[in-house]
Amino acid sequence: MTPDAATTSELSAPPPLSLWRAGAARIPSDEFVPEAHYDDVVVGAGLSGLITALLLQRSGRRVLVLEAREVGAVTTGNTTAKLSLLQGSHLSMIAARNTPAVTEAYVAANLAGFRWLVDYLDTAGVPVQRRTAYSYAQTPEGVAAVLKEHATARRFGLATRLVGTLDVPFPSTAAVALDDQAQFDPMEVLTALAADFRAAGGTLVQGVRVLGMRATAPVRVRTSAGRVTGDRAYLLTGAPILDRGLYFAKVVALRSYAVAFRTDAPIPDGMYLSVDEPSRSVRDVERDGERLLLIGGNGHTVGRRSATSEAVEDLIAWTRRSFPGAEPVAQWSAQDYEPFHRVPFVGWLPRGRGRIFLATGYDKWGMTNAVQAALTLVADLEGETPAWAKTLHRRPTLPRVLAEGVGAGAAIGAWYARGWFGALRAPRSAGVIPREGQGSLARDGVQPVAISTVDGRRCAVSAICPHLGGIVTWNNSERSWDCPLHGSRFAADGSVLEGPAVNPLSPSY
């Protein structure tokens, strides 16, 4: 795809909202108090952030959670919410990139996260549906991946079983199954966590963006509403908003899509994920006494697909072939971060002086990994780090992982160059007026400009990502400007949607 192909595209529908977020009640927000001091400042109100905050608050600490948008606005509120130890072909990918000890520790960590969350949801009264998880092949070529995942899972203690062709209306040639896994509405989980955190005395502030922090004693946290301090700070924001440790370069930002359907056709009872391409995720959703079908997939690197609406259209077409008469009722997308070794980063931030901590790189399996990250961070603080966390803290980097990192870095360099090359060849901004739902690159002299028309309003902002200077591309399914380098995303008016960027695209006049 050329940069020019990525600059202009069209969509008539409004930006999508997930089924979970559309049906969620408003979560109360507390007042931000400038210059206040806390024991712990947690940045991000997704699953990792709220569990970490709740555990810290329950231990007798004074905790502040800062969320730039609203609770669940980013990954957790847009996930397909499958809580499973069988994760597509993920475990065999981990085993191929890490030592057996690290793979074993990953399974133990996810098991700990699974058990904690199931126990919490039971105690909190959050509805949970138990399901069998299936990793399945869509083609004969995918059978080998199913067999490999089964062998790897059994080797590391998971009670998987092989299944022949599934009794489902979509193509399948083989599958591996793991019984008694779970699914739920992620916003119901976040709502319960937020309520419990505030009831325990915690402070939850929404609509305040963290812009930076200094690892002084105490840690100084700079926000869009003023400064606060904390003895410790936790960056639990998807992509870390601080560049120390270069974690933005150690993960690949991925965007994937989901569509919920109403259908009269029978909906399979399990949770399904393909091991081959195109990726397909299938589960049911219980909503207001109605059973819906949820299909996900078609992931790609953020900012590197020219017409993202085609990914959604493909999911709809695939579903209608398998479930005739299915009608979409909601569509949305989510962002995930894939580390080269496929294991999350959890622990101290380099040059954070033991006062700033992070977790990132859940690789689409945040329902278990977000929880184990929270358990790890709190256990580290209390000096009770579990054996599996100690192993994951000191995992070695193998040659294959280094090679993949080099390849990803080269791709980023290529996108940086082609983005600027295309921007400098773009037309002058004065005459560019995109049609409704379109975005185009232009230039004001030698300055790249991102111009869009959304809801009848022409918006012109800098096309240069404020993180590291990449040229953004237009995302026509969400009407946003996305950076192909490290996954920062911006609304049409330039405001930040997802990091690692913390500053908006500046207006162009």
Protein backbone atom coordinates (compact mmCIF):
# COMPACT_ATOMS: atom_id res chain seq x y z
CA MET A 1 0.00 0.00 0.00
CA THR A 2 1.33 3.42 -0.90
CA PRO A 3 1.00 6.44 1.38
CA ASP A 4 -1.33 8.06 -1.13
CA ALA A 5 -3.66 5.07 -0.93
CA ALA A 6 -3.83 5.49 2.82
CA THR A 7 -4.69 9.18 2.85
CA THR A 8 -8.22 9.34 1.49
CA SER A 9 -11.21 7.11 2.20
CA GLU A 10 -14.92 7.38 2.89
CA LEU A 11 -17.50 6.43 5.52
CA SER A 12 -21.04 7.67 6.03
CA ALA A 13 -21.79 6.16 9.46
CA PRO A 14 -20.79 7.78 12.78
CA PRO A 15 -17.80 6.44 14.74
CA PRO A 16 -18.80 3.11 16.32
CA LEU A 17 -19.41 2.41 20.02
CA SER A 18 -19.06 -1.09 21.45
CA LEU A 19 -22.11 -3.05 22.54
CA TRP A 20 -20.72 -3.04 26.08
CA ARG A 21 -20.09 0.70 26.28
CA ALA A 22 -23.38 1.63 24.61
CA GLY A 23 -25.31 -0.26 27.28
CA ALA A 24 -23.24 0.74 30.30
CA ALA A 25 -24.43 3.06 33.05
CA ARG A 26 -22.34 6.14 33.74
CA ILE A 27 -19.56 5.48 36.26
CA PRO A 28 -19.21 8.34 38.78
CA SER A 29 -16.05 10.44 38.77
CA ASP A 30 -14.40 12.16 41.73
CA GLU A 31 -13.01 15.68 41.86
CA PHE A 32 -9.41 16.27 40.83
CA VAL A 33 -7.49 18.10 43.56
CA PRO A 34 -4.34 19.84 42.27
CA GLU A 35 -1.18 19.37 44.36
CA ALA A 36 -2.78 16.54 46.37
CA HIS A 37 -0.53 13.70 47.51
CA TYR A 38 -1.34 9.98 47.36
CA ASP A 39 0.47 6.79 48.25
CA ASP A 40 -0.14 5.48 44.72
CA VAL A 41 -1.19 7.11 41.45
CA VAL A 42 -2.59 4.65 38.90
CA VAL A 43 -2.81 5.88 35.31
CA GLY A 44 -5.53 4.15 33.28
CA ALA A 45 -8.97 2.86 34.29
CA GLY A 46 -9.11 -0.37 32.36
CA LEU A 47 -8.96 -3.84 33.89
CA SER A 48 -5.30 -3.62 34.96
CA GLY A 49 -5.67 -0.16 36.43
CA LEU A 50 -8.82 -0.78 38.44
CA ILE A 51 -7.71 -4.15 39.83
CA THR A 52 -4.31 -2.76 40.80
CA ALA A 53 -5.98 0.25 42.41
CA LEU A 54 -8.52 -1.87 44.28
CA LEU A 55 -5.87 -4.21 45.68
CA LEU A 56 -3.68 -1.30 46.76
CA GLN A 57 -6.61 0.54 48.35
CA ARG A 58 -7.71 -2.58 50.21
CA SER A 59 -4.20 -2.92 51.64
CA GLY A 60 -4.64 0.39 53.43
CA ARG A 61 -3.02 2.74 50.94
CA ARG A 62 -4.41 6.03 49.60
CA VAL A 63 -4.86 5.58 45.85
CA LEU A 64 -5.77 7.87 42.95
CA VAL A 65 -6.82 6.56 39.52
CA LEU A 66 -6.48 8.98 36.60
CA GLU A 67 -8.30 8.19 33.35
CA ALA A 68 -7.89 10.46 30.32
CA ARG A 69 -11.32 9.68 28.89
CA GLU A 70 -13.79 7.49 30.77
CA VAL A 71 -13.62 4.07 32.40
CA GLY A 72 -13.37 1.37 29.73
CA ALA A 73 -12.96 3.82 26.85
CA VAL A 74 -10.03 2.00 25.29
CA THR A 75 -9.19 -1.72 25.18
CA THR A 76 -11.19 -3.25 28.05
CA GLY A 77 -14.47 -1.65 27.02
CA ASN A 78 -13.99 -2.83 23.44
CA THR A 79 -12.74 -6.38 23.97
CA THR A 80 -14.66 -9.54 23.08
CA ALA A 81 -14.19 -10.46 26.78
CA LYS A 82 -13.23 -14.11 26.60
CA LEU A 83 -11.57 -15.33 29.80
CA SER A 84 -9.63 -18.38 28.66
CA LEU A 85 -6.39 -20.26 29.16
CA LEU A 86 -6.76 -21.59 25.61
CA GLN A 87 -5.79 -18.59 23.52
CA GLY A 88 -5.90 -19.46 19.83
CA SER A 89 -2.37 -20.58 18.91
CA HIS A 90 -0.82 -18.16 21.38
CA LEU A 91 0.81 -20.67 23.71
CA SER A 92 2.71 -22.42 20.94
CA MET A 93 3.89 -18.99 19.72
CA ILE A 94 5.17 -18.23 23.22
CA ALA A 95 6.91 -21.60 23.45
CA ALA A 96 8.66 -20.95 20.13
CA ARG A 97 10.05 -17.63 21.38
CA ASN A 98 10.90 -18.36 25.01
CA THR A 99 12.45 -20.95 27.28
CA PRO A 100 10.27 -23.74 28.73
CA ALA A 101 10.53 -22.07 32.15
CA VAL A 102 9.08 -18.82 30.80
CA THR A 103 6.26 -20.64 28.99
CA GLU A 104 5.43 -22.56 32.17
CA ALA A 105 5.43 -19.30 34.14
CA TYR A 106 3.13 -17.66 31.58
CA VAL A 107 0.58 -20.46 32.02
CA ALA A 108 0.83 -20.20 35.81
CA ALA A 109 0.40 -16.42 35.66
CA ASN A 110 -2.68 -16.69 33.46
CA LEU A 111 -4.14 -19.38 35.70
CA ALA A 112 -3.69 -17.07 38.70
CA GLY A 113 -5.37 -14.23 36.80
CA PHE A 114 -8.21 -16.50 35.68
CA ARG A 115 -8.91 -17.74 39.20
CA TRP A 116 -8.75 -14.28 40.77
CA LEU A 117 -11.17 -12.77 38.28
CA VAL A 118 -13.65 -15.66 38.46
CA ASP A 119 -13.66 -15.45 42.26
CA TYR A 120 -14.08 -11.68 42.18
CA LEU A 121 -16.97 -11.80 39.70
CA ASP A 122 -18.72 -14.43 41.81
CA THR A 123 -18.33 -12.30 44.95
CA ALA A 124 -19.38 -9.10 43.17
CA GLY A 125 -22.39 -10.75 41.56
CA VAL A 126 -21.30 -9.99 38.00
CA PRO A 127 -22.98 -12.36 35.51
CA VAL A 128 -20.57 -14.89 33.97
CA GLN A 129 -21.29 -17.53 31.35
CA ARG A 130 -19.18 -20.67 31.44
CA ARG A 131 -18.22 -21.91 27.98
CA THR A 132 -15.89 -24.37 26.28
CA ALA A 133 -13.12 -22.55 24.42
CA TYR A 134 -12.13 -23.81 20.97
CA SER A 135 -9.05 -22.99 18.91
CA TYR A 136 -10.00 -24.17 15.45
CA ALA A 137 -8.62 -24.46 11.94
CA GLN A 138 -10.62 -23.11 9.01
CA THR A 139 -8.58 -24.91 6.36
CA PRO A 140 -6.63 -28.17 5.99
CA GLU A 141 -3.45 -26.11 6.21
CA GLY A 142 -4.44 -24.92 9.68
CA VAL A 143 -4.70 -28.39 11.20
CA ALA A 144 -0.98 -28.49 12.02
CA ALA A 145 -1.37 -25.35 14.16
CA VAL A 146 -4.24 -26.97 16.07
CA LEU A 147 -2.18 -30.08 16.76
CA LYS A 148 0.78 -27.98 17.85
CA GLU A 149 -1.32 -25.88 20.21
CA HIS A 150 -2.84 -29.00 21.76
CA ALA A 151 0.58 -30.60 22.27
CA THR A 152 1.98 -27.41 23.79
CA ALA A 153 -1.01 -26.93 26.07
CA ARG A 154 -0.82 -30.51 27.35
CA ARG A 155 2.93 -30.19 27.89
CA PHE A 156 2.37 -27.21 30.15
CA GLY A 157 -0.50 -28.67 32.14
CA LEU A 158 -3.70 -27.58 30.40
CA ALA A 159 -6.41 -30.24 30.06
CA THR A 160 -7.11 -29.65 26.37
CA ARG A 161 -8.67 -32.22 24.07
CA LEU A 162 -8.69 -32.63 20.31
CA VAL A 163 -11.97 -32.30 18.43
CA GLY A 164 -12.73 -33.20 14.84
CA THR A 165 -14.85 -31.02 12.60
CA LEU A 166 -16.97 -28.74 14.78
CA ASP A 167 -20.76 -28.74 14.66
CA VAL A 168 -20.87 -25.10 13.58
CA PRO A 169 -22.12 -23.34 10.43
CA PHE A 170 -18.74 -21.81 9.57
CA PRO A 171 -15.75 -23.66 8.03
CA SER A 172 -13.73 -25.84 10.41
CA THR A 173 -11.37 -28.73 9.83
CA ALA A 174 -10.08 -29.47 13.35
CA ALA A 175 -10.07 -27.95 16.82
CA VAL A 176 -8.57 -28.14 20.27
CA ALA A 177 -10.93 -27.54 23.19
CA LEU A 178 -10.63 -26.49 26.83
CA ASP A 179 -13.73 -26.81 28.99
CA ASP A 180 -15.05 -24.51 31.72
CA GLN A 181 -13.70 -21.19 30.49
CA ALA A 182 -15.72 -17.96 30.81
CA GLN A 183 -17.17 -14.91 29.11
CA PHE A 184 -18.93 -11.77 30.35
CA ASP A 185 -19.73 -8.12 29.70
CA PRO A 186 -16.45 -6.26 30.41
CA MET A 187 -18.20 -3.00 31.32
CA GLU A 188 -20.13 -4.80 34.05
CA VAL A 189 -16.75 -5.93 35.41
CA LEU A 190 -15.29 -2.43 35.30
CA THR A 191 -18.41 -0.95 36.87
CA ALA A 192 -18.14 -3.36 39.81
CA LEU A 193 -14.41 -2.71 40.23
CA ALA A 194 -14.87 1.06 40.13
CA ALA A 195 -17.67 0.92 42.69
CA ASP A 196 -15.66 -1.32 45.04
CA PHE A 197 -12.58 0.88 44.67
CA ARG A 198 -14.48 4.06 45.52
CA ALA A 199 -16.35 2.34 48.37
CA ALA A 200 -12.98 1.37 49.85
CA GLY A 201 -11.98 5.05 49.87
CA GLY A 202 -10.19 5.32 46.54
CA THR A 203 -10.36 8.36 44.26
CA LEU A 204 -11.33 7.85 40.61
CA VAL A 205 -10.93 10.85 38.30
CA GLN A 206 -12.06 10.66 34.68
CA GLY A 207 -11.42 13.17 31.92
CA VAL A 208 -7.94 14.13 33.14
CA ARG A 209 -5.00 13.13 30.95
CA VAL A 210 -1.56 12.42 32.38
CA LEU A 211 1.03 14.30 30.32
CA GLY A 212 4.21 13.19 32.03
CA MET A 213 5.89 12.35 35.31
CA ARG A 214 9.23 12.64 37.07
CA ALA A 215 10.68 9.86 39.22
CA THR A 216 11.43 12.16 42.13
CA ALA A 217 10.55 11.41 45.74
CA PRO A 218 7.61 11.73 45.64
CA VAL A 219 6.78 11.11 41.97
CA ARG A 220 5.50 14.26 40.28
CA VAL A 221 2.59 13.54 37.94
CA ARG A 222 1.76 16.30 35.44
CA THR A 223 -1.80 16.26 34.09
CA SER A 224 -4.13 18.33 31.93
CA ALA A 225 -5.74 19.64 35.15
CA GLY A 226 -2.65 20.30 37.26
CA ARG A 227 -0.06 18.36 39.22
CA VAL A 228 -0.36 15.64 41.87
CA THR A 229 2.29 13.58 43.64
CA GLY A 230 2.54 9.98 44.76
CA ASP A 231 5.01 7.70 46.48
CA ARG A 232 4.59 5.37 43.49
CA ALA A 233 3.00 5.59 40.06
CA TYR A 234 1.64 2.83 37.84
CA LEU A 235 1.39 3.22 34.05
CA LEU A 236 -1.44 0.91 32.98
CA THR A 237 -2.48 2.61 29.76
CA GLY A 238 -2.12 0.07 26.94
CA ALA A 239 0.97 1.70 25.46
CA PRO A 240 3.12 3.36 28.16
CA ILE A 241 2.98 7.14 27.84
CA LEU A 242 6.61 7.52 28.97
CA ASP A 243 9.35 6.70 26.48
CA ARG A 244 11.81 5.39 29.09
CA GLY A 245 12.63 1.80 28.28
CA LEU A 246 11.42 2.29 24.69
CA TYR A 247 8.44 0.00 25.24
CA PHE A 248 6.63 1.64 22.32
CA ALA A 249 9.32 0.02 20.12
CA LYS A 250 9.06 -3.38 21.83
CA VAL A 251 5.41 -3.92 20.93
CA VAL A 252 3.35 -3.71 17.74
CA ALA A 253 0.04 -1.83 17.99
CA LEU A 254 -2.77 -3.85 16.42
CA ARG A 255 -6.34 -2.86 15.56
CA SER A 256 -9.06 -5.51 15.24
CA TYR A 257 -12.80 -5.38 14.66
CA ALA A 258 -16.01 -6.74 16.16
CA VAL A 259 -19.62 -6.84 15.00
CA ALA A 260 -22.65 -7.96 17.05
CA PHE A 261 -25.55 -9.52 15.15
CA ARG A 262 -29.17 -10.38 15.71
CA THR A 263 -29.99 -13.70 14.04
CA ASP A 264 -32.69 -16.34 13.98
CA ALA A 265 -30.09 -18.99 13.15
CA PRO A 266 -28.80 -21.21 15.98
CA ILE A 267 -25.81 -19.65 17.75
CA PRO A 268 -23.03 -22.05 18.82
CA ASP A 269 -22.55 -22.42 22.58
CA GLY A 270 -18.76 -22.18 22.73
CA MET A 271 -16.10 -19.50 22.41
CA TYR A 272 -14.23 -19.96 19.13
CA LEU A 273 -11.00 -18.50 17.76
CA SER A 274 -9.35 -19.48 14.50
CA VAL A 275 -5.66 -20.37 14.39
CA ASP A 276 -5.33 -19.48 10.70
CA GLU A 277 -6.17 -16.46 8.59
CA PRO A 278 -8.39 -14.59 8.20
CA SER A 279 -8.78 -14.39 11.97
CA ARG A 280 -12.25 -15.15 13.31
CA SER A 281 -13.54 -14.91 16.88
CA VAL A 282 -17.04 -16.20 17.67
CA ARG A 283 -19.08 -16.05 20.88
CA ASP A 284 -22.61 -15.34 22.02
CA VAL A 285 -23.80 -12.34 24.04
CA GLU A 286 -26.75 -12.24 26.41
CA ARG A 287 -28.26 -8.75 26.23
CA ASP A 288 -31.66 -7.66 27.62
CA GLY A 289 -33.06 -11.17 27.45
CA GLU A 290 -31.86 -11.64 23.88
CA ARG A 291 -29.04 -13.85 22.63
CA LEU A 292 -26.79 -12.12 20.11
CA LEU A 293 -23.88 -13.33 18.00
CA LEU A 294 -20.51 -11.58 18.31
CA ILE A 295 -17.93 -11.95 15.53
CA GLY A 296 -14.43 -10.47 15.65
CA GLY A 297 -11.24 -10.51 13.61
CA ASN A 298 -9.41 -8.96 10.64
CA GLY A 299 -6.69 -7.41 12.75
CA HIS A 300 -3.88 -5.31 11.29
CA THR A 301 -1.12 -2.97 12.39
CA VAL A 302 -2.55 0.42 13.37
CA GLY A 303 -2.41 3.00 10.58
CA ARG A 304 -1.31 0.56 7.89
CA ARG A 305 -4.61 -0.42 6.28
CA SER A 306 -5.96 1.93 3.63
CA ALA A 307 -9.69 1.26 4.04
CA THR A 308 -10.48 -0.04 7.51
CA SER A 309 -14.20 -0.14 6.77
CA GLU A 310 -13.46 -3.06 4.44
CA ALA A 311 -12.40 -5.11 7.47
CA VAL A 312 -15.83 -4.59 9.02
CA GLU A 313 -17.63 -5.24 5.73
CA ASP A 314 -15.72 -8.51 5.37
CA LEU A 315 -16.81 -9.67 8.84
CA ILE A 316 -20.42 -8.87 7.99
CA ALA A 317 -20.25 -10.75 4.68
CA TRP A 318 -18.59 -13.78 6.31
CA THR A 319 -21.22 -13.88 9.05
CA ARG A 320 -24.12 -13.67 6.63
CA ARG A 321 -22.72 -16.60 4.67
CA SER A 322 -22.56 -18.70 7.83
CA PHE A 323 -25.65 -17.31 9.57
CA PRO A 324 -28.14 -16.35 6.82
CA GLY A 325 -30.26 -13.35 7.71
CA ALA A 326 -27.90 -12.07 10.41
CA GLU A 327 -28.24 -8.31 10.89
CA PRO A 328 -25.60 -6.11 12.56
CA VAL A 329 -26.70 -4.27 15.70
CA ALA A 330 -23.32 -2.83 16.74
CA GLN A 331 -19.79 -2.61 15.39
CA TRP A 332 -16.55 -1.38 16.92
CA SER A 333 -12.83 -2.02 17.15
CA ALA A 334 -10.15 -2.39 19.79
CA GLN A 335 -6.42 -1.85 20.11
CA ASP A 336 -3.93 -4.37 21.47
CA TYR A 337 -0.16 -4.47 21.81
CA GLU A 338 1.87 -7.48 20.69
CA PRO A 339 5.37 -7.94 22.18
CA PHE A 340 7.86 -9.74 20.01
CA HIS A 341 8.22 -12.56 22.55
CA ARG A 342 4.40 -12.62 23.08
CA VAL A 343 4.75 -12.27 26.89
CA PRO A 344 3.62 -9.06 28.66
CA PHE A 345 6.03 -6.58 30.20
CA VAL A 346 5.20 -6.11 33.88
CA GLY A 347 7.35 -4.43 36.52
CA TRP A 348 9.67 -1.49 37.11
CA LEU A 349 10.02 1.18 34.47
CA PRO A 350 13.69 1.76 33.60
CA ARG A 351 15.02 4.97 35.14
CA GLY A 352 11.92 5.08 37.31
CA ARG A 353 14.06 4.74 40.47
CA GLY A 354 11.83 1.98 41.78
CA ARG A 355 8.90 4.40 41.96
CA ILE A 356 7.27 4.05 38.53
CA PHE A 357 5.85 0.74 37.31
CA LEU A 358 4.18 -0.42 34.11
CA ALA A 359 2.34 -3.24 32.40
CA THR A 360 1.87 -3.56 28.64
CA GLY A 361 1.80 -6.08 25.80
CA TYR A 362 -1.14 -8.35 26.65
CA ASP A 363 -1.34 -9.45 22.99
CA LYS A 364 -5.17 -9.63 22.85
CA TRP A 365 -5.41 -11.73 26.02
CA GLY A 366 -5.98 -9.01 28.57
CA MET A 367 -8.76 -10.75 30.49
CA THR A 368 -6.15 -13.01 32.09
CA ASN A 369 -2.98 -10.98 31.56
CA ALA A 370 -4.39 -7.71 32.90
CA VAL A 371 -5.28 -9.51 36.10
CA GLN A 372 -1.95 -11.30 36.49
CA ALA A 373 -0.20 -7.98 35.86
CA ALA A 374 -2.14 -6.36 38.70
CA LEU A 375 -1.42 -9.31 40.99
CA THR A 376 2.28 -9.08 40.11
CA LEU A 377 2.57 -5.35 40.72
CA VAL A 378 0.90 -5.51 44.12
CA ALA A 379 2.82 -8.64 45.16
CA ASP A 380 6.10 -6.97 44.18
CA LEU A 381 5.22 -4.00 46.39
CA GLU A 382 4.41 -6.25 49.33
CA GLY A 383 7.54 -8.37 48.90
CA GLU A 384 5.50 -11.49 48.11
CA THR A 385 6.32 -11.94 44.42
CA PRO A 386 5.10 -15.38 43.23
CA ALA A 387 7.58 -17.74 41.60
CA TRP A 388 5.97 -17.37 38.17
CA ALA A 389 6.33 -13.59 38.31
CA LYS A 390 10.00 -13.86 39.27
CA THR A 391 10.59 -16.05 36.22
CA LEU A 392 8.77 -13.63 33.91
CA HIS A 393 10.70 -10.68 35.37
CA ARG A 394 14.03 -12.18 34.34
CA ARG A 395 13.13 -13.89 31.08
CA PRO A 396 15.94 -14.00 28.49
CA THR A 397 15.58 -12.61 24.97
CA LEU A 398 16.22 -15.32 22.38
CA PRO A 399 17.67 -14.74 18.86
CA ARG A 400 14.31 -15.21 17.13
CA VAL A 401 12.80 -12.42 19.21
CA LEU A 402 15.72 -10.13 18.41
CA ALA A 403 15.28 -10.83 14.70
CA GLU A 404 11.56 -10.05 14.84
CA GLY A 405 12.33 -6.81 16.65
CA VAL A 406 14.80 -5.79 13.96
CA GLY A 407 12.21 -6.54 11.28
CA ALA A 408 9.56 -4.49 13.05
CA GLY A 409 11.99 -1.60 13.43
CA ALA A 410 12.77 -1.70 9.72
CA ALA A 411 9.06 -1.61 8.90
CA ILE A 412 8.61 1.45 11.12
CA GLY A 413 11.49 3.18 9.33
CA ALA A 414 9.94 2.40 5.97
CA TRP A 415 6.56 3.78 7.01
CA TYR A 416 8.19 6.91 8.38
CA ALA A 417 9.96 7.52 5.07
CA ARG A 418 7.01 6.76 2.81
CA GLY A 419 4.69 8.85 4.98
CA TRP A 420 6.86 11.93 4.62
CA PHE A 421 7.46 11.27 0.93
CA GLY A 422 3.72 11.11 0.31
CA ALA A 423 2.99 14.15 2.48
CA LEU A 424 5.45 16.36 0.66
CA ARG A 425 3.84 15.39 -2.66
CA ALA A 426 0.31 16.14 -1.40
CA PRO A 427 -1.71 19.11 -2.74
CA ARG A 428 -1.76 22.46 -0.99
CA SER A 429 -4.24 22.57 1.88
CA ALA A 430 -6.14 25.69 0.80
CA GLY A 431 -8.11 23.90 -1.89
CA VAL A 432 -8.73 20.62 -0.08
CA ILE A 433 -12.29 20.10 1.19
CA PRO A 434 -12.94 16.37 1.74
CA ARG A 435 -16.44 14.97 1.40
CA GLU A 436 -18.30 13.94 4.55
CA GLY A 437 -16.50 11.11 6.32
CA GLN A 438 -13.32 11.54 4.31
CA GLY A 439 -9.81 12.46 5.34
CA SER A 440 -6.97 13.64 3.10
CA LEU A 441 -3.35 14.63 3.45
CA ALA A 442 -2.35 18.06 2.18
CA ARG A 443 0.44 20.52 2.89
CA ASP A 444 0.84 24.11 3.96
CA GLY A 445 4.18 24.95 2.38
CA VAL A 446 6.30 22.04 3.56
CA GLN A 447 4.14 21.32 6.63
CA PRO A 448 1.95 18.20 6.25
CA VAL A 449 -1.70 18.84 7.10
CA ALA A 450 -4.43 16.29 7.89
CA ILE A 451 -7.81 17.52 6.66
CA SER A 452 -11.15 15.81 7.23
CA THR A 453 -14.85 16.52 7.12
CA VAL A 454 -16.86 15.01 9.97
CA ASP A 455 -20.49 15.89 10.73
CA GLY A 456 -20.29 18.75 8.25
CA ARG A 457 -17.25 20.32 9.88
CA ARG A 458 -13.93 20.70 8.07
CA CYS A 459 -11.03 20.00 10.44
CA ALA A 460 -7.42 20.80 9.58
CA VAL A 461 -4.69 19.65 11.95
CA SER A 462 -1.01 18.83 11.72
CA ALA A 463 -0.40 15.47 10.06
CA ILE A 464 2.73 14.92 12.17
CA CYS A 465 2.27 12.58 15.14
CA PRO A 466 3.60 14.45 18.20
CA HIS A 467 5.12 11.25 19.58
CA LEU A 468 7.97 10.64 17.13
CA GLY A 469 7.02 12.50 13.97
CA GLY A 470 5.27 9.88 11.85
CA ILE A 471 2.69 10.95 9.27
CA VAL A 472 -0.82 9.90 10.27
CA THR A 473 -3.27 8.07 7.99
CA TRP A 474 -7.07 8.29 7.86
CA ASN A 475 -9.10 5.50 9.48
CA ASN A 476 -12.42 5.56 7.65
CA SER A 477 -14.35 3.18 9.92
CA GLU A 478 -13.64 5.24 13.05
CA ARG A 479 -13.02 8.62 11.41
CA SER A 480 -9.71 9.08 13.15
CA TRP A 481 -6.10 9.85 12.27
CA ASP A 482 -3.86 6.88 13.13
CA CYS A 483 -0.06 6.78 13.31
CA PRO A 484 1.50 3.79 11.50
CA LEU A 485 4.68 3.96 13.59
CA HIS A 486 3.60 3.15 17.16
CA GLY A 487 -0.19 3.24 17.11
CA SER A 488 -1.16 6.65 18.49
CA ARG A 489 -4.66 7.66 17.40
CA PHE A 490 -6.36 11.04 17.18
CA ALA A 491 -9.90 12.28 16.60
CA ALA A 492 -10.64 14.42 13.55
CA ASP A 493 -10.10 17.56 15.65
CA GLY A 494 -6.67 16.28 16.71
CA SER A 495 -7.52 15.24 20.28
CA VAL A 496 -5.74 12.13 21.55
CA LEU A 497 -7.66 8.84 21.47
CA GLU A 498 -4.84 6.38 22.19
CA GLY A 499 -1.15 6.67 23.08
CA PRO A 500 1.76 6.56 23.34
CA ALA A 501 1.22 10.19 22.29
CA VAL A 502 -0.10 12.45 25.05
CA ASN A 503 -0.31 15.69 23.05
CA PRO A 504 -2.91 16.37 20.33
CA LEU A 505 -2.34 17.08 16.68
CA SER A 506 -1.98 20.84 16.61
CA PRO A 507 -4.54 22.92 14.66
CA SER A 508 -3.57 24.08 11.17
CA TYR A 509 -4.87 27.52 10.22
